[in-house]
C-alpha atoms as a PDB file:
ATOM      1  CA  MET A   1     -80.518-136.591  22.723  1.00  0.00           C
ATOM      2  CA  THR A   2     -82.205-133.185  22.582  1.00  0.00           C
ATOM      3  CA  GLY A   3     -85.520-134.938  22.252  1.00  0.00           C
ATOM      4  CA  GLN A   4     -85.130-135.735  25.873  1.00  0.00           C
ATOM      5  CA  ALA A   5     -85.416-132.081  26.798  1.00  0.00           C
ATOM      6  CA  PRO A   6     -89.301-131.659  27.245  1.00  0.00           C
ATOM      7  CA  LEU A   7     -89.229-135.001  29.407  1.00  0.00           C
ATOM      8  CA  ILE A   8     -86.398-133.757  31.617  1.00  0.00           C
ATOM      9  CA  ALA A   9     -88.116-130.301  32.262  1.00  0.00           C
ATOM     10  CA  GLU A  10     -91.511-132.061  32.716  1.00  0.00           C
ATOM     11  CA  LEU A  11     -89.995-134.375  35.462  1.00  0.00           C
ATOM     12  CA  VAL A  12     -88.233-131.460  37.385  1.00  0.00           C
ATOM     13  CA  ASN A  13     -91.621-129.500  37.052  1.00  0.00           C
ATOM     14  CA  LEU A  14     -93.578-132.404  38.433  1.00  0.00           C
ATOM     15  CA  VAL A  15     -91.353-132.239  41.418  1.00  0.00           C
ATOM     16  CA  THR A  16     -89.763-128.830  42.540  1.00  0.00           C
ATOM     17  CA  PRO A  17     -92.051-125.675  41.681  1.00  0.00           C
ATOM     18  CA  GLN A  18     -94.021-124.184  44.225  1.00  0.00           C
ATOM     19  CA  TRP A  19     -95.890-121.956  41.644  1.00  0.00           C
ATOM     20  CA  ARG A  20     -96.538-123.215  38.155  1.00  0.00           C
ATOM     21  CA  GLY A  21     -98.745-121.425  35.410  1.00  0.00           C
ATOM     22  CA  GLY A  22    -100.013-118.560  37.888  1.00  0.00           C
ATOM     23  CA  GLY A  23    -101.064-120.903  40.719  1.00  0.00           C
ATOM     24  CA  ARG A  24     -99.895-123.180  43.386  1.00  0.00           C
ATOM     25  CA  ALA A  25     -98.120-126.259  41.883  1.00  0.00           C
ATOM     26  CA  ARG A  26     -99.685-129.650  42.587  1.00  0.00           C
ATOM     27  CA  ARG A  27     -96.631-131.584  43.455  1.00  0.00           C
ATOM     28  CA  PRO A  28     -97.346-135.450  43.037  1.00  0.00           C
ATOM     29  CA  GLU A  29     -95.303-137.753  45.304  1.00  0.00           C
ATOM     30  CA  GLY A  30     -94.687-141.540  45.317  1.00  0.00           C
ATOM     31  CA  GLU A  31     -96.898-143.521  43.290  1.00  0.00           C
ATOM     32  CA  ASP A  32     -98.681-140.507  42.149  1.00  0.00           C
ATOM     33  CA  LEU A  33     -95.618-139.071  40.793  1.00  0.00           C
ATOM     34  CA  LEU A  34     -94.449-142.500  39.227  1.00  0.00           C
ATOM     35  CA  ARG A  35     -97.881-142.672  37.390  1.00  0.00           C
ATOM     36  CA  ALA A  36     -97.755-138.892  36.189  1.00  0.00           C
ATOM     37  CA  PHE A  37     -94.372-139.178  34.972  1.00  0.00           C
ATOM     38  CA  ALA A  38     -94.721-142.728  33.416  1.00  0.00           C
ATOM     39  CA  ALA A  39     -97.798-141.357  31.249  1.00  0.00           C
ATOM     40  CA  LEU A  40     -95.372-139.115  29.486  1.00  0.00           C
ATOM     41  CA  THR A  41     -93.092-141.738  28.467  1.00  0.00           C
ATOM     42  CA  GLY A  42     -93.316-144.442  26.057  1.00  0.00           C
ATOM     43  CA  GLU A  43     -94.743-148.041  26.683  1.00  0.00           C
ATOM     44  CA  ARG A  44     -91.328-149.648  27.217  1.00  0.00           C
ATOM     45  CA  THR A  45     -90.117-146.821  29.538  1.00  0.00           C
ATOM     46  CA  ALA A  46     -93.169-146.520  31.320  1.00  0.00           C
ATOM     47  CA  ALA A  47     -93.360-150.424  32.008  1.00  0.00           C
ATOM     48  CA  GLY A  48     -89.790-150.593  33.359  1.00  0.00           C
ATOM     49  CA  LEU A  49     -90.530-147.469  35.601  1.00  0.00           C
ATOM     50  CA  LEU A  50     -93.678-149.127  36.959  1.00  0.00           C
ATOM     51  CA  ALA A  51     -91.670-152.371  37.977  1.00  0.00           C
ATOM     52  CA  VAL A  52     -89.572-150.491  40.199  1.00  0.00           C
ATOM     53  CA  PRO A  53     -91.017-150.837  43.812  1.00  0.00           C
ATOM     54  CA  ASP A  54     -89.865-147.325  44.954  1.00  0.00           C
ATOM     55  CA  ALA A  55     -89.593-145.678  41.660  1.00  0.00           C
ATOM     56  CA  GLY A  56     -91.533-142.403  42.845  1.00  0.00           C
ATOM     57  CA  VAL A  57     -88.799-141.760  45.462  1.00  0.00           C
ATOM     58  CA  ARG A  58     -86.020-142.570  42.965  1.00  0.00           C
ATOM     59  CA  LEU A  59     -87.555-140.277  40.280  1.00  0.00           C
ATOM     60  CA  ALA A  60     -88.060-137.477  42.909  1.00  0.00           C
ATOM     61  CA  ASP A  61     -84.405-137.605  43.925  1.00  0.00           C
ATOM     62  CA  LEU A  62     -83.502-137.689  40.001  1.00  0.00           C
ATOM     63  CA  ALA A  63     -85.800-134.575  39.496  1.00  0.00           C
ATOM     64  CA  ARG A  64     -83.998-132.521  42.069  1.00  0.00           C
ATOM     65  CA  GLU A  65     -80.593-133.338  40.926  1.00  0.00           C
ATOM     66  CA  LEU A  66     -81.795-132.291  37.466  1.00  0.00           C
ATOM     67  CA  GLY A  67     -83.182-129.287  38.717  1.00  0.00           C
ATOM     68  CA  GLN A  68     -80.104-128.287  40.741  1.00  0.00           C
ATOM     69  CA  ALA A  69     -78.020-128.723  37.383  1.00  0.00           C
ATOM     70  CA  LEU A  70     -80.606-126.717  35.223  1.00  0.00           C
ATOM     71  CA  LEU A  71     -80.660-123.869  37.662  1.00  0.00           C
ATOM     72  CA  ALA A  72     -76.981-123.796  38.611  1.00  0.00           C
ATOM     73  CA  ALA A  73     -75.796-119.889  38.948  1.00  0.00           C
ATOM     74  CA  GLU A  74     -72.448-120.612  37.292  1.00  0.00           C
ATOM     75  CA  PRO A  75     -71.308-122.794  34.293  1.00  0.00           C
ATOM     76  CA  ALA A  76     -68.724-124.504  36.318  1.00  0.00           C
ATOM     77  CA  ASP A  77     -71.200-125.637  39.033  1.00  0.00           C
ATOM     78  CA  GLN A  78     -73.546-126.627  36.132  1.00  0.00           C
ATOM     79  CA  ALA A  79     -70.978-128.757  34.427  1.00  0.00           C
ATOM     80  CA  ALA A  80     -69.883-130.274  38.060  1.00  0.00           C
ATOM     81  CA  ARG A  81     -73.363-131.178  38.803  1.00  0.00           C
ATOM     82  CA  ILE A  82     -74.012-132.817  35.339  1.00  0.00           C
ATOM     83  CA  ASN A  83     -70.582-134.764  35.419  1.00  0.00           C
ATOM     84  CA  ALA A  84     -71.480-135.958  38.694  1.00  0.00           C
ATOM     85  CA  MET A  85     -74.743-137.365  37.600  1.00  0.00           C
ATOM     86  CA  ILE A  86     -72.984-139.031  34.597  1.00  0.00           C
ATOM     87  CA  ARG A  87     -70.841-140.829  37.135  1.00  0.00           C
ATOM     88  CA  ARG A  88     -73.354-141.564  39.574  1.00  0.00           C
ATOM     89  CA  TYR A  89     -75.868-143.070  37.033  1.00  0.00           C
ATOM     90  CA  GLY A  90     -73.164-144.746  34.921  1.00  0.00           C
ATOM     91  CA  ALA A  91     -74.164-143.368  31.559  1.00  0.00           C
ATOM     92  CA  GLN A  92     -72.830-145.669  28.976  1.00  0.00           C
ATOM     93  CA  PRO A  93     -73.120-145.309  25.127  1.00  0.00           C
ATOM     94  CA  TYR A  94     -74.411-147.642  22.852  1.00  0.00           C
ATOM     95  CA  LEU A  95     -75.630-147.950  19.162  1.00  0.00           C
ATOM     96  CA  VAL A  96     -79.484-148.668  18.427  1.00  0.00           C
ATOM     97  CA  GLU A  97     -80.863-149.272  15.067  1.00  0.00           C
ATOM     98  CA  ASP A  98     -84.708-148.368  15.466  1.00  0.00           C
ATOM     99  CA  VAL A  99     -87.193-149.752  12.890  1.00  0.00           C
ATOM    100  CA  GLY A 100     -86.691-147.439   9.807  1.00  0.00           C
ATOM    101  CA  GLN A 101     -83.983-145.419  11.316  1.00  0.00           C
ATOM    102  CA  PRO A 102     -80.102-145.751  10.962  1.00  0.00           C
ATOM    103  CA  PHE A 103     -77.890-146.721  13.751  1.00  0.00           C
ATOM    104  CA  HIS A 104     -77.846-143.800  16.451  1.00  0.00           C
ATOM    105  CA  LEU A 105     -76.262-143.334  19.711  1.00  0.00           C
ATOM    106  CA  HIS A 106     -78.098-144.013  22.984  1.00  0.00           C
ATOM    107  CA  PHE A 107     -76.857-143.376  26.688  1.00  0.00           C
ATOM    108  CA  HIS A 108     -78.598-145.386  29.350  1.00  0.00           C
ATOM    109  CA  GLY A 109     -77.422-145.473  33.009  1.00  0.00           C
ATOM    110  CA  SER A 110     -75.936-148.819  34.103  1.00  0.00           C
ATOM    111  CA  GLY A 111     -77.553-148.530  37.610  1.00  0.00           C
ATOM    112  CA  GLU A 112     -80.035-151.017  39.291  1.00  0.00           C
ATOM    113  CA  THR A 113     -83.105-149.810  37.863  1.00  0.00           C
ATOM    114  CA  ALA A 114     -85.281-148.154  35.071  1.00  0.00           C
ATOM    115  CA  VAL A 115     -84.872-144.893  36.980  1.00  0.00           C
ATOM    116  CA  GLU A 116     -81.159-145.122  37.159  1.00  0.00           C
ATOM    117  CA  ALA A 117     -81.031-145.886  33.408  1.00  0.00           C
ATOM    118  CA  LEU A 118     -83.054-142.844  32.781  1.00  0.00           C
ATOM    119  CA  GLY A 119     -80.788-140.945  35.019  1.00  0.00           C
ATOM    120  CA  GLY A 120     -77.839-141.848  32.961  1.00  0.00           C
ATOM    121  CA  GLU A 121     -79.711-140.872  29.703  1.00  0.00           C
ATOM    122  CA  PHE A 122     -81.072-137.414  31.170  1.00  0.00           C
ATOM    123  CA  ALA A 123     -77.688-136.360  32.237  1.00  0.00           C
ATOM    124  CA  THR A 124     -75.804-137.316  29.205  1.00  0.00           C
ATOM    125  CA  ALA A 125     -78.962-135.226  27.273  1.00  0.00           C
ATOM    126  CA  LEU A 126     -77.849-132.144  29.653  1.00  0.00           C
ATOM    127  CA  ALA A 127     -74.190-132.597  28.876  1.00  0.00           C
ATOM    128  CA  LEU A 128     -74.878-132.678  25.063  1.00  0.00           C
ATOM    129  CA  ILE A 129     -77.214-129.789  25.262  1.00  0.00           C
ATOM    130  CA  VAL A 130     -74.445-127.659  27.177  1.00  0.00           C
ATOM    131  CA  ASP A 131     -71.905-128.967  24.575  1.00  0.00           C
ATOM    132  CA  GLY A 132     -74.159-128.186  21.506  1.00  0.00           C
ATOM    133  CA  TYR A 133     -76.009-125.010  22.708  1.00  0.00           C
ATOM    134  CA  GLY A 134     -73.960-123.613  25.588  1.00  0.00           C
ATOM    135  CA  PRO A 135     -74.641-123.489  29.351  1.00  0.00           C
ATOM    136  CA  ASP A 136     -77.054-120.568  29.191  1.00  0.00           C
ATOM    137  CA  ARG A 137     -79.990-122.642  27.610  1.00  0.00           C
ATOM    138  CA  PHE A 138     -81.523-123.689  30.968  1.00  0.00           C
ATOM    139  CA  GLY A 139     -83.869-121.410  32.757  1.00  0.00           C
ATOM    140  CA  GLN A 140     -86.854-120.431  35.088  1.00  0.00           C
ATOM    141  CA  CYS A 141     -90.082-119.419  33.696  1.00  0.00           C
ATOM    142  CA  ALA A 142     -90.392-115.446  33.568  1.00  0.00           C
ATOM    143  CA  ALA A 143     -94.041-115.397  34.040  1.00  0.00           C
ATOM    144  CA  HIS A 144     -95.546-114.138  37.397  1.00  0.00           C
ATOM    145  CA  GLN A 145     -96.331-116.979  39.818  1.00  0.00           C
ATOM    146  CA  CYS A 146     -94.363-119.591  37.930  1.00  0.00           C
ATOM    147  CA  GLU A 147     -91.129-121.431  38.805  1.00  0.00           C
ATOM    148  CA  ALA A 148     -91.139-123.932  36.334  1.00  0.00           C
ATOM    149  CA  VAL A 149     -88.081-124.783  34.461  1.00  0.00           C
ATOM    150  CA  TYR A 150     -87.308-124.910  30.640  1.00  0.00           C
ATOM    151  CA  ILE A 151     -84.690-126.169  28.276  1.00  0.00           C
ATOM    152  CA  ASP A 152     -84.406-123.791  25.397  1.00  0.00           C
ATOM    153  CA  LEU A 153     -83.399-125.145  22.125  1.00  0.00           C
ATOM    154  CA  THR A 154     -84.507-122.242  19.992  1.00  0.00           C
ATOM    155  CA  ARG A 155     -82.075-121.142  17.172  1.00  0.00           C
ATOM    156  CA  ASN A 156     -81.564-117.611  18.901  1.00  0.00           C
ATOM    157  CA  SER A 157     -81.783-118.673  22.618  1.00  0.00           C
ATOM    158  CA  SER A 158     -85.171-116.580  22.870  1.00  0.00           C
ATOM    159  CA  ARG A 159     -87.279-118.722  25.171  1.00  0.00           C
ATOM    160  CA  ARG A 160     -88.049-117.054  28.453  1.00  0.00           C
ATOM    161  CA  TYR A 161     -91.321-119.142  29.437  1.00  0.00           C
ATOM    162  CA  CYS A 162     -92.021-122.770  30.426  1.00  0.00           C
ATOM    163  CA  SER A 163     -95.185-123.072  28.147  1.00  0.00           C
ATOM    164  CA  ALA A 164     -97.300-121.453  25.397  1.00  0.00           C
ATOM    165  CA  ALA A 165     -99.638-120.786  28.351  1.00  0.00           C
ATOM    166  CA  CYS A 166     -97.287-118.888  30.425  1.00  0.00           C
ATOM    167  CA  THR A 167     -96.097-116.798  27.475  1.00  0.00           C
ATOM    168  CA  ALA A 168     -99.757-116.045  26.797  1.00  0.00           C
ATOM    169  CA  ARG A 169    -100.275-114.894  30.242  1.00  0.00           C
ATOM    170  CA  ALA A 170     -97.144-112.883  30.387  1.00  0.00           C
ATOM    171  CA  LYS A 171     -98.156-111.177  26.990  1.00  0.00           C
ATOM    172  CA  THR A 172    -101.749-110.506  28.188  1.00  0.00           C
ATOM    173  CA  ALA A 173    -100.382-108.874  31.455  1.00  0.00           C
ATOM    174  CA  ALA A 174     -98.054-106.787  29.619  1.00  0.00           C
ATOM    175  CA  TYR A 175    -100.711-105.442  27.114  1.00  0.00           C
ATOM    176  CA  ARG A 176    -103.226-104.923  30.326  1.00  0.00           C
ATOM    177  CA  SER A 177    -100.419-102.627  31.866  1.00  0.00           C
ATOM    178  CA  ARG A 178     -99.806-100.607  28.700  1.00  0.00           C
ATOM    179  CA  GLN A 179    -103.488 -99.886  28.429  1.00  0.00           C
ATOM    180  CA  GLY A 180    -104.190 -98.668  31.739  1.00  0.00           C
END
């Protein structure tokens, strides 16, 4: 389930930040959001999303909910938001045997569309991350002019930036400030 972390962060980052990577964020809406996000998923997920008439609107709502859970100030608020999403999207576990892999657990929402199925999966992934890593593994990029979120799955909880590009920008800025 932790494999969903980059996809969760990317959905939130497509919709919510005003600043990303040092500049104004382009926030796609509707069909543009749907196409941008579907391009990040596998073929089957993308096909399911593209078949939903108002998927862009539903994805934007899901992204805002996920963002509120990721950036909740208190662990109790974070847990309440994640639990509400698990209930809302009807996350249900089931075993899957993929080609070349043993049976493993999947969680999909039992809602009416592929977006709700993804909502259940993402909410459960956040719950499992909080359970396995702790509630302090979600954050907002520390780089100047970047409000993107990240999910920190590092061993020592050291992540502070949303991407390698923001890490490099921050290190370059720190170096330049020390030089002069």
